[in-house]
PDB file of N, CA and C in Angstrom:
ATOM      1  N   UNK A   1       8.427   7.843  -5.141  1.00  0.00           N
ATOM      2  CA  UNK A   1       7.026   7.550  -5.267  1.00  0.00           C
ATOM      3  C   UNK A   1       6.209   8.304  -4.246  1.00  0.00           C
ATOM      4  N   UNK A   2       5.062   8.602  -4.481  1.00  0.00           N
ATOM      5  CA  UNK A   2       4.072   9.161  -3.537  1.00  0.00           C
ATOM      6  C   UNK A   2       3.809   8.288  -2.404  1.00  0.00           C
ATOM      7  N   UNK A   3       3.670   8.858  -1.128  1.00  0.00           N
ATOM      8  CA  UNK A   3       3.410   8.105   0.018  1.00  0.00           C
ATOM      9  C   UNK A   3       1.875   7.867  -0.005  1.00  0.00           C
ATOM     10  N   UNK A   4       1.456   6.649   0.205  1.00  0.00           N
ATOM     11  CA  UNK A   4      -0.052   6.464   0.295  1.00  0.00           C
ATOM     12  C   UNK A   4      -0.648   7.140   1.383  1.00  0.00           C
ATOM     13  N   UNK A   5      -1.969   7.705   1.166  1.00  0.00           N
ATOM     14  CA  UNK A   5      -2.658   8.287   2.200  1.00  0.00           C
ATOM     15  C   UNK A   5      -3.848   7.340   2.594  1.00  0.00           C
ATOM     16  N   UNK A   6      -4.473   7.639   3.808  1.00  0.00           N
ATOM     17  CA  UNK A   6      -5.602   6.837   4.125  1.00  0.00           C
ATOM     18  C   UNK A   6      -6.743   7.014   3.144  1.00  0.00           C
ATOM     19  N   UNK A   7      -7.335   6.014   2.616  1.00  0.00           N
ATOM     20  CA  UNK A   7      -8.353   6.176   1.612  1.00  0.00           C
ATOM     21  C   UNK A   7      -9.620   6.926   2.084  1.00  0.00           C
ATOM     22  N   UNK A   8     -10.164   7.670   1.280  1.00  0.00           N
ATOM     23  CA  UNK A   8     -11.511   8.570   1.688  1.00  0.00           C
ATOM     24  C   UNK A   8     -12.622   7.704   1.344  1.00  0.00           C
ATOM     25  N   UNK A   9     -13.597   7.869   2.191  1.00  0.00           N
ATOM     26  CA  UNK A   9     -14.921   7.239   1.888  1.00  0.00           C
ATOM     27  C   UNK A   9     -15.849   8.130   1.145  1.00  0.00           C
ATOM     28  N   UNK A  10     -15.376   9.408   0.810  1.00  0.00           N
ATOM     29  CA  UNK A  10     -16.191  10.411   0.142  1.00  0.00           C
ATOM     30  C   UNK A  10     -15.677  10.945  -1.179  1.00  0.00           C
ATOM     31  N   UNK A  11     -14.325  11.050  -1.122  1.00  0.00           N
ATOM     32  CA  UNK A  11     -13.633  11.853  -2.209  1.00  0.00           C
ATOM     33  C   UNK A  11     -12.736  10.866  -2.967  1.00  0.00           C
ATOM     34  N   UNK A  12     -13.107  10.305  -4.224  1.00  0.00           N
ATOM     35  CA  UNK A  12     -12.257   9.479  -4.898  1.00  0.00           C
ATOM     36  C   UNK A  12     -10.973  10.135  -5.258  1.00  0.00           C
ATOM     37  N   UNK A  13      -9.853   9.364  -5.152  1.00  0.00           N
ATOM     38  CA  UNK A  13      -8.492   9.885  -5.558  1.00  0.00           C
ATOM     39  C   UNK A  13      -7.739   8.979  -6.457  1.00  0.00           C
ATOM     40  N   UNK A  14      -6.813   9.486  -7.232  1.00  0.00           N
ATOM     41  CA  UNK A  14      -6.100   8.622  -8.141  1.00  0.00           C
ATOM     42  C   UNK A  14      -4.663   8.311  -7.480  1.00  0.00           C
ATOM     43  N   UNK A  15      -4.353   9.012  -6.431  1.00  0.00           N
ATOM     44  CA  UNK A  15      -3.075   8.697  -5.826  1.00  0.00           C
ATOM     45  C   UNK A  15      -3.084   7.470  -5.023  1.00  0.00           C
ATOM     46  N   UNK A  16      -1.954   7.038  -4.536  1.00  0.00           N
ATOM     47  CA  UNK A  16      -1.965   5.686  -3.808  1.00  0.00           C
ATOM     48  C   UNK A  16      -2.634   5.942  -2.449  1.00  0.00           C
ATOM     49  N   UNK A  17      -3.503   4.860  -2.056  1.00  0.00           N
ATOM     50  CA  UNK A  17      -4.179   4.902  -0.807  1.00  0.00           C
ATOM     51  C   UNK A  17      -3.876   3.738  -0.045  1.00  0.00           C
ATOM     52  N   UNK A  18      -4.115   3.752   1.239  1.00  0.00           N
ATOM     53  CA  UNK A  18      -4.037   2.521   2.061  1.00  0.00           C
ATOM     54  C   UNK A  18      -5.399   2.354   2.811  1.00  0.00           C
ATOM     55  N   UNK A  19      -5.790   1.143   3.260  1.00  0.00           N
ATOM     56  CA  UNK A  19      -6.879   0.808   4.063  1.00  0.00           C
ATOM     57  C   UNK A  19      -6.298   0.134   5.269  1.00  0.00           C
ATOM     58  N   UNK A  20      -6.687   0.574   6.403  1.00  0.00           N
ATOM     59  CA  UNK A  20      -6.006   0.082   7.640  1.00  0.00           C
ATOM     60  C   UNK A  20      -6.951  -0.915   8.371  1.00  0.00           C
ATOM     61  N   UNK A  21      -6.267  -2.065   8.595  1.00  0.00           N
ATOM     62  CA  UNK A  21      -6.996  -3.268   9.289  1.00  0.00           C
ATOM     63  C   UNK A  21      -6.397  -3.269  10.719  1.00  0.00           C
ATOM     64  N   UNK A  22      -7.223  -2.978  11.837  1.00  0.00           N
ATOM     65  CA  UNK A  22      -6.600  -2.966  13.142  1.00  0.00           C
ATOM     66  C   UNK A  22      -7.274  -4.207  13.831  1.00  0.00           C
ATOM     67  N   UNK A  23      -6.297  -4.998  14.230  1.00  0.00           N
ATOM     68  CA  UNK A  23      -6.703  -6.175  15.000  1.00  0.00           C
ATOM     69  C   UNK A  23      -6.225  -6.247  16.402  1.00  0.00           C
ATOM     70  N   UNK A  24      -5.882  -4.972  16.895  1.00  0.00           N
ATOM     71  CA  UNK A  24      -5.268  -4.866  18.140  1.00  0.00           C
ATOM     72  C   UNK A  24      -6.361  -4.917  19.216  1.00  0.00           C
ATOM     73  N   UNK A  25      -7.555  -4.809  18.945  1.00  0.00           N
ATOM     74  CA  UNK A  25      -8.708  -4.920  19.956  1.00  0.00           C
ATOM     75  C   UNK A  25      -9.476  -6.294  19.618  1.00  0.00           C
ATOM     76  N   UNK A  26     -10.272  -6.647  20.604  1.00  0.00           N
ATOM     77  CA  UNK A  26     -11.090  -7.895  20.322  1.00  0.00           C
ATOM     78  C   UNK A  26     -12.033  -7.795  19.198  1.00  0.00           C
ATOM     79  N   UNK A  27     -12.518  -6.646  18.880  1.00  0.00           N
ATOM     80  CA  UNK A  27     -13.313  -6.570  17.608  1.00  0.00           C
ATOM     81  C   UNK A  27     -12.466  -5.743  16.501  1.00  0.00           C
ATOM     82  N   UNK A  28     -11.850  -6.489  15.612  1.00  0.00           N
ATOM     83  CA  UNK A  28     -11.060  -5.830  14.526  1.00  0.00           C
ATOM     84  C   UNK A  28     -11.984  -4.661  13.700  1.00  0.00           C
ATOM     85  N   UNK A  29     -11.229  -3.735  13.191  1.00  0.00           N
ATOM     86  CA  UNK A  29     -11.888  -2.735  12.416  1.00  0.00           C
ATOM     87  C   UNK A  29     -11.107  -2.443  11.146  1.00  0.00           C
ATOM     88  N   UNK A  30     -11.829  -2.011  10.115  1.00  0.00           N
ATOM     89  CA  UNK A  30     -11.310  -1.598   8.806  1.00  0.00           C
ATOM     90  C   UNK A  30     -11.578  -0.143   8.612  1.00  0.00           C
ATOM     91  N   UNK A  31     -10.657   0.722   8.232  1.00  0.00           N
ATOM     92  CA  UNK A  31     -10.881   2.064   8.060  1.00  0.00           C
ATOM     93  C   UNK A  31     -10.270   2.405   6.659  1.00  0.00           C
ATOM     94  N   UNK A  32     -11.032   2.930   5.760  1.00  0.00           N
ATOM     95  CA  UNK A  32     -12.467   3.303   5.792  1.00  0.00           C
ATOM     96  C   UNK A  32     -13.309   2.105   5.575  1.00  0.00           C
ATOM     97  N   UNK A  33     -14.570   2.185   5.764  1.00  0.00           N
ATOM     98  CA  UNK A  33     -15.541   1.034   5.432  1.00  0.00           C
ATOM     99  C   UNK A  33     -15.746   0.935   3.879  1.00  0.00           C
ATOM    100  N   UNK A  34     -15.836   2.198   3.309  1.00  0.00           N
ATOM    101  CA  UNK A  34     -15.922   2.231   1.819  1.00  0.00           C
ATOM    102  C   UNK A  34     -14.759   3.130   1.277  1.00  0.00           C
ATOM    103  N   UNK A  35     -13.952   2.516   0.495  1.00  0.00           N
ATOM    104  CA  UNK A  35     -12.696   3.254  -0.135  1.00  0.00           C
ATOM    105  C   UNK A  35     -13.149   3.740  -1.438  1.00  0.00           C
ATOM    106  N   UNK A  36     -13.126   4.932  -1.801  1.00  0.00           N
ATOM    107  CA  UNK A  36     -13.429   5.501  -3.062  1.00  0.00           C
ATOM    108  C   UNK A  36     -12.053   5.909  -3.781  1.00  0.00           C
ATOM    109  N   UNK A  37     -11.896   5.276  -4.971  1.00  0.00           N
ATOM    110  CA  UNK A  37     -10.750   5.511  -5.806  1.00  0.00           C
ATOM    111  C   UNK A  37     -11.047   5.746  -7.192  1.00  0.00           C
ATOM    112  N   UNK A  38     -10.201   6.480  -7.913  1.00  0.00           N
ATOM    113  CA  UNK A  38     -10.276   6.711  -9.475  1.00  0.00           C
ATOM    114  C   UNK A  38      -9.657   5.409  -9.975  1.00  0.00           C
ATOM    115  N   UNK A  39     -10.168   4.878 -11.090  1.00  0.00           N
ATOM    116  CA  UNK A  39      -9.649   3.736 -11.768  1.00  0.00           C
ATOM    117  C   UNK A  39      -8.165   3.780 -11.973  1.00  0.00           C
ATOM    118  N   UNK A  40      -7.417   2.810 -11.634  1.00  0.00           N
ATOM    119  CA  UNK A  40      -6.067   2.678 -11.769  1.00  0.00           C
ATOM    120  C   UNK A  40      -5.277   3.014 -10.594  1.00  0.00           C
ATOM    121  N   UNK A  41      -5.903   3.556  -9.506  1.00  0.00           N
ATOM    122  CA  UNK A  41      -5.254   3.976  -8.307  1.00  0.00           C
ATOM    123  C   UNK A  41      -4.740   2.650  -7.518  1.00  0.00           C
ATOM    124  N   UNK A  42      -3.616   2.887  -6.900  1.00  0.00           N
ATOM    125  CA  UNK A  42      -3.006   1.810  -6.025  1.00  0.00           C
ATOM    126  C   UNK A  42      -3.712   1.787  -4.694  1.00  0.00           C
ATOM    127  N   UNK A  43      -4.102   0.618  -4.281  1.00  0.00           N
ATOM    128  CA  UNK A  43      -4.620   0.440  -3.030  1.00  0.00           C
ATOM    129  C   UNK A  43      -3.896  -0.624  -2.251  1.00  0.00           C
ATOM    130  N   UNK A  44      -3.459  -0.382  -0.987  1.00  0.00           N
ATOM    131  CA  UNK A  44      -2.793  -1.308  -0.158  1.00  0.00           C
ATOM    132  C   UNK A  44      -3.553  -1.467   1.156  1.00  0.00           C
ATOM    133  N   UNK A  45      -3.878  -2.682   1.353  1.00  0.00           N
ATOM    134  CA  UNK A  45      -4.387  -3.106   2.754  1.00  0.00           C
ATOM    135  C   UNK A  45      -3.258  -3.255   3.701  1.00  0.00           C
ATOM    136  N   UNK A  46      -3.316  -2.691   4.889  1.00  0.00           N
ATOM    137  CA  UNK A  46      -2.219  -2.803   5.881  1.00  0.00           C
ATOM    138  C   UNK A  46      -2.693  -3.272   7.215  1.00  0.00           C
ATOM    139  N   UNK A  47      -1.983  -4.288   7.838  1.00  0.00           N
ATOM    140  CA  UNK A  47      -2.302  -4.680   9.178  1.00  0.00           C
ATOM    141  C   UNK A  47      -1.041  -4.614   9.982  1.00  0.00           C
ATOM    142  N   UNK A  48      -1.125  -4.166  11.280  1.00  0.00           N
ATOM    143  CA  UNK A  48       0.123  -3.975  11.957  1.00  0.00           C
ATOM    144  C   UNK A  48       1.013  -5.210  12.194  1.00  0.00           C
ATOM    145  N   UNK A  49       0.326  -6.356  12.507  1.00  0.00           N
ATOM    146  CA  UNK A  49       1.052  -7.540  12.856  1.00  0.00           C
ATOM    147  C   UNK A  49       0.383  -8.766  12.278  1.00  0.00           C
ATOM    148  N   UNK A  50      -0.888  -9.036  12.433  1.00  0.00           N
ATOM    149  CA  UNK A  50      -1.535 -10.217  12.141  1.00  0.00           C
ATOM    150  C   UNK A  50      -1.804 -10.309  10.565  1.00  0.00           C
ATOM    151  N   UNK A  51      -1.601 -11.413  10.168  1.00  0.00           N
ATOM    152  CA  UNK A  51      -1.901 -11.838   8.736  1.00  0.00           C
ATOM    153  C   UNK A  51      -3.356 -11.754   8.507  1.00  0.00           C
ATOM    154  N   UNK A  52      -3.827 -11.470   7.357  1.00  0.00           N
ATOM    155  CA  UNK A  52      -5.186 -11.333   7.025  1.00  0.00           C
ATOM    156  C   UNK A  52      -5.530 -11.834   5.734  1.00  0.00           C
ATOM    157  N   UNK A  53      -6.804 -12.153   5.423  1.00  0.00           N
ATOM    158  CA  UNK A  53      -7.236 -12.487   3.981  1.00  0.00           C
ATOM    159  C   UNK A  53      -8.444 -11.809   3.623  1.00  0.00           C
ATOM    160  N   UNK A  54      -8.560 -11.530   2.369  1.00  0.00           N
ATOM    161  CA  UNK A  54      -9.655 -10.832   1.760  1.00  0.00           C
ATOM    162  C   UNK A  54     -10.467 -11.663   0.964  1.00  0.00           C
ATOM    163  N   UNK A  55     -11.816 -11.519   0.965  1.00  0.00           N
ATOM    164  CA  UNK A  55     -12.631 -12.405  -0.001  1.00  0.00           C
ATOM    165  C   UNK A  55     -13.582 -11.452  -0.724  1.00  0.00           C
ATOM    166  N   UNK A  56     -13.314 -11.261  -1.991  1.00  0.00           N
ATOM    167  CA  UNK A  56     -14.178 -10.615  -2.815  1.00  0.00           C
ATOM    168  C   UNK A  56     -15.444 -11.244  -3.278  1.00  0.00           C
ATOM    169  N   UNK A  57     -16.616 -10.417  -3.266  1.00  0.00           N
ATOM    170  CA  UNK A  57     -17.683 -10.982  -3.658  1.00  0.00           C
ATOM    171  C   UNK A  57     -17.856 -11.179  -5.194  1.00  0.00           C
ATOM    172  N   UNK A  58     -19.009 -11.373  -5.740  1.00  0.00           N
ATOM    173  CA  UNK A  58     -19.238 -11.857  -6.992  1.00  0.00           C
ATOM    174  C   UNK A  58     -18.565 -11.003  -8.139  1.00  0.00           C
ATOM    175  N   UNK A  59     -18.355  -9.703  -7.886  1.00  0.00           N
ATOM    176  CA  UNK A  59     -17.693  -8.798  -8.953  1.00  0.00           C
ATOM    177  C   UNK A  59     -16.195  -9.161  -8.992  1.00  0.00           C
ATOM    178  N   UNK A  60     -15.749  -9.853  -8.109  1.00  0.00           N
ATOM    179  CA  UNK A  60     -14.331 -10.242  -8.169  1.00  0.00           C
ATOM    180  C   UNK A  60     -13.357  -9.144  -7.633  1.00  0.00           C
ATOM    181  N   UNK A  61     -12.143  -9.347  -7.913  1.00  0.00           N
ATOM    182  CA  UNK A  61     -11.000  -8.552  -7.314  1.00  0.00           C
ATOM    183  C   UNK A  61     -11.001  -7.152  -8.008  1.00  0.00           C
ATOM    184  N   UNK A  62     -10.993  -5.942  -7.376  1.00  0.00           N
ATOM    185  CA  UNK A  62     -11.036  -4.669  -8.020  1.00  0.00           C
ATOM    186  C   UNK A  62      -9.839  -4.472  -8.777  1.00  0.00           C
ATOM    187  N   UNK A  63      -8.740  -5.158  -8.588  1.00  0.00           N
ATOM    188  CA  UNK A  63      -7.524  -5.076  -9.311  1.00  0.00           C
ATOM    189  C   UNK A  63      -7.706  -5.668 -10.775  1.00  0.00           C
ATOM    190  N   UNK A  64      -8.741  -6.345 -11.077  1.00  0.00           N
ATOM    191  CA  UNK A  64      -9.068  -6.718 -12.489  1.00  0.00           C
ATOM    192  C   UNK A  64      -8.994  -8.165 -12.665  1.00  0.00           C
ATOM    193  N   UNK A  65      -9.168  -8.559 -13.962  1.00  0.00           N
ATOM    194  CA  UNK A  65      -9.217  -9.976 -14.369  1.00  0.00           C
ATOM    195  C   UNK A  65      -7.905 -10.716 -13.895  1.00  0.00           C
ATOM    196  N   UNK A  66      -8.025 -11.969 -13.603  1.00  0.00           N
ATOM    197  CA  UNK A  66      -6.884 -12.816 -13.299  1.00  0.00           C
ATOM    198  C   UNK A  66      -6.317 -12.665 -11.971  1.00  0.00           C
ATOM    199  N   UNK A  67      -6.881 -11.678 -11.042  1.00  0.00           N
ATOM    200  CA  UNK A  67      -6.298 -11.610  -9.761  1.00  0.00           C
ATOM    201  C   UNK A  67      -7.341 -12.435  -8.863  1.00  0.00           C
ATOM    202  N   UNK A  68      -6.785 -13.006  -7.765  1.00  0.00           N
ATOM    203  CA  UNK A  68      -7.513 -13.850  -6.862  1.00  0.00           C
ATOM    204  C   UNK A  68      -8.628 -13.219  -6.245  1.00  0.00           C
ATOM    205  N   UNK A  69      -9.728 -14.057  -6.120  1.00  0.00           N
ATOM    206  CA  UNK A  69     -10.925 -13.541  -5.379  1.00  0.00           C
ATOM    207  C   UNK A  69     -10.659 -13.587  -3.766  1.00  0.00           C
ATOM    208  N   UNK A  70      -9.630 -14.346  -3.426  1.00  0.00           N
ATOM    209  CA  UNK A  70      -9.653 -14.508  -1.898  1.00  0.00           C
ATOM    210  C   UNK A  70      -7.972 -14.487  -1.550  1.00  0.00           C
ATOM    211  N   UNK A  71      -7.358 -13.401  -1.900  1.00  0.00           N
ATOM    212  CA  UNK A  71      -6.010 -13.146  -1.601  1.00  0.00           C
ATOM    213  C   UNK A  71      -5.675 -13.081  -0.098  1.00  0.00           C
ATOM    214  N   UNK A  72      -4.403 -13.375   0.209  1.00  0.00           N
ATOM    215  CA  UNK A  72      -3.852 -13.222   1.562  1.00  0.00           C
ATOM    216  C   UNK A  72      -2.710 -12.319   1.616  1.00  0.00           C
ATOM    217  N   UNK A  73      -2.630 -11.697   2.770  1.00  0.00           N
ATOM    218  CA  UNK A  73      -1.500 -10.724   2.998  1.00  0.00           C
ATOM    219  C   UNK A  73      -0.180 -11.271   2.984  1.00  0.00           C
ATOM    220  N   UNK A  74       0.824 -10.495   2.884  1.00  0.00           N
ATOM    221  CA  UNK A  74       2.156 -11.131   3.011  1.00  0.00           C
ATOM    222  C   UNK A  74       3.001 -10.056   3.868  1.00  0.00           C
ATOM    223  N   UNK A  75       4.084 -10.476   4.527  1.00  0.00           N
ATOM    224  CA  UNK A  75       4.778  -9.609   5.342  1.00  0.00           C
ATOM    225  C   UNK A  75       5.551  -8.482   4.464  1.00  0.00           C
ATOM    226  N   UNK A  76       5.576  -7.324   4.863  1.00  0.00           N
ATOM    227  CA  UNK A  76       6.327  -6.382   4.102  1.00  0.00           C
ATOM    228  C   UNK A  76       7.647  -6.134   4.801  1.00  0.00           C
ATOM    229  N   UNK A  77       8.507  -5.344   4.223  1.00  0.00           N
ATOM    230  CA  UNK A  77       9.822  -4.998   4.792  1.00  0.00           C
ATOM    231  C   UNK A  77       9.832  -4.373   6.164  1.00  0.00           C
ATOM    232  N   UNK A  78       8.755  -3.646   6.499  1.00  0.00           N
ATOM    233  CA  UNK A  78       8.675  -3.042   7.641  1.00  0.00           C
ATOM    234  C   UNK A  78       7.852  -3.723   8.827  1.00  0.00           C
ATOM    235  N   UNK A  79       7.659  -5.095   8.614  1.00  0.00           N
ATOM    236  CA  UNK A  79       7.157  -5.918   9.531  1.00  0.00           C
ATOM    237  C   UNK A  79       5.683  -5.957   9.542  1.00  0.00           C
ATOM    238  N   UNK A  80       4.973  -5.171   8.773  1.00  0.00           N
ATOM    239  CA  UNK A  80       3.546  -5.157   8.747  1.00  0.00           C
ATOM    240  C   UNK A  80       3.088  -6.142   7.668  1.00  0.00           C
ATOM    241  N   UNK A  81       1.789  -6.477   7.669  1.00  0.00           N
ATOM    242  CA  UNK A  81       1.194  -7.407   6.836  1.00  0.00           C
ATOM    243  C   UNK A  81       0.416  -6.576   5.756  1.00  0.00           C
ATOM    244  N   UNK A  82       0.661  -6.915   4.482  1.00  0.00           N
ATOM    245  CA  UNK A  82      -0.038  -6.122   3.467  1.00  0.00           C
ATOM    246  C   UNK A  82      -0.393  -6.765   2.177  1.00  0.00           C
ATOM    247  N   UNK A  83      -1.388  -6.146   1.534  1.00  0.00           N
ATOM    248  CA  UNK A  83      -1.830  -6.708   0.198  1.00  0.00           C
ATOM    249  C   UNK A  83      -2.082  -5.420  -0.728  1.00  0.00           C
ATOM    250  N   UNK A  84      -1.600  -5.525  -1.913  1.00  0.00           N
ATOM    251  CA  UNK A  84      -1.739  -4.346  -2.763  1.00  0.00           C
ATOM    252  C   UNK A  84      -2.262  -4.763  -4.231  1.00  0.00           C
ATOM    253  N   UNK A  85      -3.019  -3.785  -4.698  1.00  0.00           N
ATOM    254  CA  UNK A  85      -3.456  -3.906  -6.097  1.00  0.00           C
ATOM    255  C   UNK A  85      -3.629  -2.562  -6.754  1.00  0.00           C
ATOM    256  N   UNK A  86      -3.678  -2.457  -8.096  1.00  0.00           N
ATOM    257  CA  UNK A  86      -4.048  -1.295  -8.791  1.00  0.00           C
ATOM    258  C   UNK A  86      -5.509  -1.509  -9.216  1.00  0.00           C
ATOM    259  N   UNK A  87      -6.417  -0.502  -8.913  1.00  0.00           N
ATOM    260  CA  UNK A  87      -7.811  -0.703  -9.176  1.00  0.00           C
ATOM    261  C   UNK A  87      -8.114  -0.469 -10.588  1.00  0.00           C
ATOM    262  N   UNK A  88      -7.871  -1.579 -11.504  1.00  0.00           N
ATOM    263  CA  UNK A  88      -8.074  -1.601 -12.884  1.00  0.00           C
ATOM    264  C   UNK A  88      -9.424  -2.085 -13.371  1.00  0.00           C
ATOM    265  N   UNK A  89     -10.128  -2.539 -12.399  1.00  0.00           N
ATOM    266  CA  UNK A  89     -11.384  -3.248 -12.903  1.00  0.00           C
ATOM    267  C   UNK A  89     -12.428  -2.165 -13.307  1.00  0.00           C
ATOM    268  N   UNK A  90     -13.557  -2.522 -13.762  1.00  0.00           N
ATOM    269  CA  UNK A  90     -14.598  -1.638 -14.167  1.00  0.00           C
ATOM    270  C   UNK A  90     -15.062  -0.816 -13.016  1.00  0.00           C
ATOM    271  N   UNK A  91     -15.646   0.438 -13.298  1.00  0.00           N
ATOM    272  CA  UNK A  91     -16.083   1.214 -12.247  1.00  0.00           C
ATOM    273  C   UNK A  91     -17.283   0.497 -11.508  1.00  0.00           C
ATOM    274  N   UNK A  92     -17.489   0.913 -10.291  1.00  0.00           N
ATOM    275  CA  UNK A  92     -18.641   0.289  -9.412  1.00  0.00           C
ATOM    276  C   UNK A  92     -18.101  -0.019  -8.162  1.00  0.00           C
ATOM    277  N   UNK A  93     -19.102  -0.812  -7.361  1.00  0.00           N
ATOM    278  CA  UNK A  93     -18.788  -1.183  -6.087  1.00  0.00           C
ATOM    279  C   UNK A  93     -18.383  -2.510  -5.898  1.00  0.00           C
ATOM    280  N   UNK A  94     -17.315  -2.724  -5.173  1.00  0.00           N
ATOM    281  CA  UNK A  94     -16.818  -4.055  -4.915  1.00  0.00           C
ATOM    282  C   UNK A  94     -16.868  -4.433  -3.491  1.00  0.00           C
ATOM    283  N   UNK A  95     -17.822  -5.381  -3.082  1.00  0.00           N
ATOM    284  CA  UNK A  95     -17.902  -5.768  -1.750  1.00  0.00           C
ATOM    285  C   UNK A  95     -16.892  -6.756  -1.530  1.00  0.00           C
ATOM    286  N   UNK A  96     -16.414  -6.733  -0.230  1.00  0.00           N
ATOM    287  CA  UNK A  96     -15.440  -7.815   0.109  1.00  0.00           C
ATOM    288  C   UNK A  96     -15.461  -8.080   1.719  1.00  0.00           C
ATOM    289  N   UNK A  97     -14.956  -9.157   2.060  1.00  0.00           N
ATOM    290  CA  UNK A  97     -14.867  -9.479   3.536  1.00  0.00           C
ATOM    291  C   UNK A  97     -13.338  -9.382   3.850  1.00  0.00           C
ATOM    292  N   UNK A  98     -13.085  -8.958   5.034  1.00  0.00           N
ATOM    293  CA  UNK A  98     -11.684  -9.084   5.553  1.00  0.00           C
ATOM    294  C   UNK A  98     -11.760 -10.049   6.719  1.00  0.00           C
ATOM    295  N   UNK A  99     -10.899 -11.147   6.689  1.00  0.00           N
ATOM    296  CA  UNK A  99     -10.760 -12.201   7.760  1.00  0.00           C
ATOM    297  C   UNK A  99      -9.562 -11.924   8.388  1.00  0.00           C
ATOM    298  N   UNK A 100      -9.566 -11.643   9.742  1.00  0.00           N
ATOM    299  CA  UNK A 100      -8.289 -11.546  10.582  1.00  0.00           C
ATOM    300  C   UNK A 100      -8.572 -12.031  11.974  1.00  0.00           C
ATOM    301  N   UNK A 101      -7.757 -12.683  12.563  1.00  0.00           N
ATOM    302  CA  UNK A 101      -7.778 -13.177  13.978  1.00  0.00           C
ATOM    303  C   UNK A 101      -9.168 -13.861  14.129  1.00  0.00           C
ATOM    304  N   UNK A 102      -9.652 -14.588  13.073  1.00  0.00           N
ATOM    305  CA  UNK A 102     -10.917 -15.340  13.312  1.00  0.00           C
ATOM    306  C   UNK A 102     -12.168 -14.496  13.151  1.00  0.00           C
ATOM    307  N   UNK A 103     -11.930 -13.232  12.918  1.00  0.00           N
ATOM    308  CA  UNK A 103     -13.214 -12.426  12.889  1.00  0.00           C
ATOM    309  C   UNK A 103     -13.378 -11.975  11.351  1.00  0.00           C
ATOM    310  N   UNK A 104     -14.587 -11.448  11.052  1.00  0.00           N
ATOM    311  CA  UNK A 104     -14.749 -11.086   9.588  1.00  0.00           C
ATOM    312  C   UNK A 104     -15.479  -9.727   9.607  1.00  0.00           C
ATOM    313  N   UNK A 105     -15.159  -8.863   8.626  1.00  0.00           N
ATOM    314  CA  UNK A 105     -15.776  -7.518   8.399  1.00  0.00           C
ATOM    315  C   UNK A 105     -16.081  -7.469   6.943  1.00  0.00           C
ATOM    316  N   UNK A 106     -17.061  -6.537   6.646  1.00  0.00           N
ATOM    317  CA  UNK A 106     -17.686  -6.374   5.377  1.00  0.00           C
ATOM    318  C   UNK A 106     -17.579  -4.950   4.663  1.00  0.00           C
ATOM    319  N   UNK A 107     -16.346  -4.562   4.300  1.00  0.00           N
ATOM    320  CA  UNK A 107     -16.175  -3.234   3.747  1.00  0.00           C
ATOM    321  C   UNK A 107     -16.365  -3.318   2.170  1.00  0.00           C
ATOM    322  N   UNK A 108     -15.989  -2.183   1.483  1.00  0.00           N
ATOM    323  CA  UNK A 108     -16.276  -2.089   0.001  1.00  0.00           C
ATOM    324  C   UNK A 108     -15.227  -1.250  -0.514  1.00  0.00           C
ATOM    325  N   UNK A 109     -14.884  -1.507  -1.877  1.00  0.00           N
ATOM    326  CA  UNK A 109     -14.160  -0.585  -2.636  1.00  0.00           C
ATOM    327  C   UNK A 109     -15.050  -0.014  -3.740  1.00  0.00           C
ATOM    328  N   UNK A 110     -14.965   1.311  -3.976  1.00  0.00           N
ATOM    329  CA  UNK A 110     -15.761   1.956  -4.966  1.00  0.00           C
ATOM    330  C   UNK A 110     -14.756   2.516  -6.047  1.00  0.00           C
ATOM    331  N   UNK A 111     -14.867   2.083  -7.171  1.00  0.00           N
ATOM    332  CA  UNK A 111     -13.992   2.537  -8.297  1.00  0.00           C
ATOM    333  C   UNK A 111     -14.863   3.494  -9.096  1.00  0.00           C
ATOM    334  N   UNK A 112     -14.305   4.690  -9.354  1.00  0.00           N
ATOM    335  CA  UNK A 112     -14.933   5.766 -10.308  1.00  0.00           C
ATOM    336  C   UNK A 112     -14.087   5.942 -11.466  1.00  0.00           C
ATOM    337  N   UNK A 113     -14.760   6.306 -12.670  1.00  0.00           N
ATOM    338  CA  UNK A 113     -13.968   6.593 -13.848  1.00  0.00           C
ATOM    339  C   UNK A 113     -13.187   7.891 -13.551  1.00  0.00           C
ATOM    340  N   UNK A 114     -12.091   8.026 -14.273  1.00  0.00           N
ATOM    341  CA  UNK A 114     -11.207   9.209 -14.056  1.00  0.00           C
ATOM    342  C   UNK A 114     -12.118  10.354 -14.756  1.00  0.00           C
ATOM    343  N   UNK A 115     -11.988  11.560 -14.233  1.00  0.00           N
ATOM    344  CA  UNK A 115     -12.732  12.693 -14.738  1.00  0.00           C
ATOM    345  C   UNK A 115     -12.057  13.297 -15.915  1.00  0.00           C
TER     346      UNK A 115
END
């Protein structure tokens, strides 16, 4: 399988991407703030150690119907915390919040139609 690359905020890709949540500092960060993908791409949120939860706004989970609006991370085999979806929902912008270590951030996922 392809190794995921850090998601781009300018160039949508259909390969697997990851979004990095860094809670090692007092003010957590999410990179990138806006992740652009082609419909169907795999997106994984990764945090080094701390568990996190996501809360998707009105449009719901960019993974599509039936997926939770407020999923939580789970530990992966390498000891990191992660949550994964395939971006199967309609194209457009999906606002969401990341909650980690009692702090919240407001990034977005942007889904584009495949060319």
